[in-house]
Protein backbone atom coordinates (compact mmCIF):
# COMPACT_ATOMS: atom_id res chain seq x y z
CA UNK A 1 0.00 0.00 0.00
CA UNK A 2 1.39 3.39 -0.94
CA UNK A 3 1.64 6.34 1.43
CA UNK A 4 -1.12 8.08 -0.54
CA UNK A 5 -3.41 5.06 -0.24
CA UNK A 6 -2.75 4.77 3.48
CA UNK A 7 -3.35 8.48 3.93
CA UNK A 8 -6.68 8.16 2.12
CA UNK A 9 -7.74 5.13 4.18
CA UNK A 10 -6.83 6.79 7.48
CA UNK A 11 -7.86 10.31 6.49
CA UNK A 12 -4.48 11.50 7.70
CA UNK A 13 -2.32 13.95 5.76
CA UNK A 14 0.23 12.17 3.53
CA UNK A 15 3.00 14.07 5.33
CA UNK A 16 2.05 12.36 8.61
CA UNK A 17 2.38 8.93 7.00
CA UNK A 18 5.74 9.96 5.54
CA UNK A 19 6.96 11.21 8.91
CA UNK A 20 6.22 7.85 10.53
CA UNK A 21 7.97 5.93 7.76
CA UNK A 22 11.06 8.12 7.83
CA UNK A 23 11.26 8.31 11.62
CA UNK A 24 10.70 12.07 11.80
CA UNK A 25 7.71 11.26 13.97
CA UNK A 26 7.97 8.14 16.13
CA UNK A 27 4.93 8.00 18.38
CA UNK A 28 1.38 8.44 17.07
CA UNK A 29 -1.46 9.86 19.12
CA UNK A 30 -4.04 7.33 20.28
CA UNK A 31 -6.45 8.52 17.59
CA UNK A 32 -3.83 8.18 14.87
CA UNK A 33 -2.81 4.75 16.13
CA UNK A 34 -6.41 3.52 15.91
CA UNK A 35 -6.72 4.86 12.36
CA UNK A 36 -3.49 3.13 11.33
CA UNK A 37 -4.36 -0.21 12.93
CA UNK A 38 -7.81 -0.16 11.34
CA UNK A 39 -6.45 0.70 7.89
CA UNK A 40 -3.62 -1.84 8.05
CA UNK A 41 -5.60 -4.49 9.96
CA UNK A 42 -2.81 -5.16 12.43
CA UNK A 43 -2.58 -4.80 16.18
CA UNK A 44 -1.36 -1.65 17.86
CA UNK A 45 1.28 -3.78 19.60
CA UNK A 46 2.68 -4.73 16.20
CA UNK A 47 2.77 -1.13 14.98
CA UNK A 48 4.50 -0.05 18.18
CA UNK A 49 7.11 -2.78 17.78
CA UNK A 50 6.05 -4.65 20.90
CA UNK A 51 5.35 -7.93 19.09
CA UNK A 52 6.74 -9.40 15.86
CA UNK A 53 3.43 -10.93 14.72
CA UNK A 54 1.42 -8.75 12.36
CA UNK A 55 -1.68 -10.93 12.53
CA UNK A 56 -4.93 -9.15 11.77
CA UNK A 57 -6.63 -7.87 14.85
CA UNK A 58 -10.18 -7.84 16.06
CA UNK A 59 -13.31 -9.03 14.40
CA UNK A 60 -15.15 -12.30 14.43
CA UNK A 61 -12.04 -14.42 13.87
CA UNK A 62 -10.39 -13.12 17.03
CA UNK A 63 -13.57 -13.68 19.04
CA UNK A 64 -13.85 -17.24 17.74
CA UNK A 65 -10.16 -17.85 18.39
CA UNK A 66 -10.59 -16.86 22.03
CA UNK A 67 -13.91 -18.68 22.42
CA UNK A 68 -12.43 -22.01 21.38
CA UNK A 69 -9.36 -21.45 23.51
CA UNK A 70 -6.78 -21.51 20.75
CA UNK A 71 -4.10 -20.32 23.13
CA UNK A 72 -4.32 -23.86 24.54
CA UNK A 73 -5.04 -25.66 21.26
CA UNK A 74 -3.67 -29.08 20.50
CA UNK A 75 -1.48 -29.72 17.49
CA UNK A 76 -4.45 -31.48 15.83
CA UNK A 77 -6.67 -28.40 16.35
CA UNK A 78 -4.07 -26.13 14.80
CA UNK A 79 -3.52 -28.51 11.89
CA UNK A 80 -7.28 -28.62 11.23
CA UNK A 81 -7.52 -24.83 11.21
CA UNK A 82 -4.53 -24.59 8.89
CA UNK A 83 -6.18 -27.05 6.50
CA UNK A 84 -9.38 -25.01 6.51
CA UNK A 85 -7.43 -21.80 5.86
CA UNK A 86 -5.53 -23.42 2.99
CA UNK A 87 -8.82 -24.63 1.48
CA UNK A 88 -10.26 -21.10 1.69
CA UNK A 89 -7.19 -19.63 0.00
CA UNK A 90 -7.41 -22.23 -2.77
CA UNK A 91 -11.10 -21.51 -3.28
CA UNK A 92 -10.45 -17.77 -3.53
CA UNK A 93 -7.74 -18.40 -6.12
CA UNK A 94 -10.09 -20.57 -8.18
CA UNK A 95 -12.84 -17.94 -7.93
CA UNK A 96 -10.44 -15.18 -8.97
CA UNK A 97 -9.15 -17.23 -11.91
CA UNK A 98 -12.72 -18.01 -13.02
CA UNK A 99 -13.60 -14.30 -12.98
CA UNK A 100 -10.47 -13.48 -14.96
CA UNK A 101 -11.32 -15.89 -17.79
């Protein structure tokens, strides 16, 4: 995503986005942080460099993840979810290819 696209998604001035990328400005306000995390679909902890995982945050998937206790999931549970995710990715590819033909 370009700086201009991110600026449009967040409704922040392009200069603000540039300042974060170049290090001129290091710490966003709470409001700006929320706009950035929403636009980029990552956690605030990731943007602040507190965690290395840029997994999407929030939404139904996160709620379901917590509800089924995935922090204590077995290897079989994780393998099943990975298989489902791979199947969804494959289906999207097929759908996209069918639309392109």
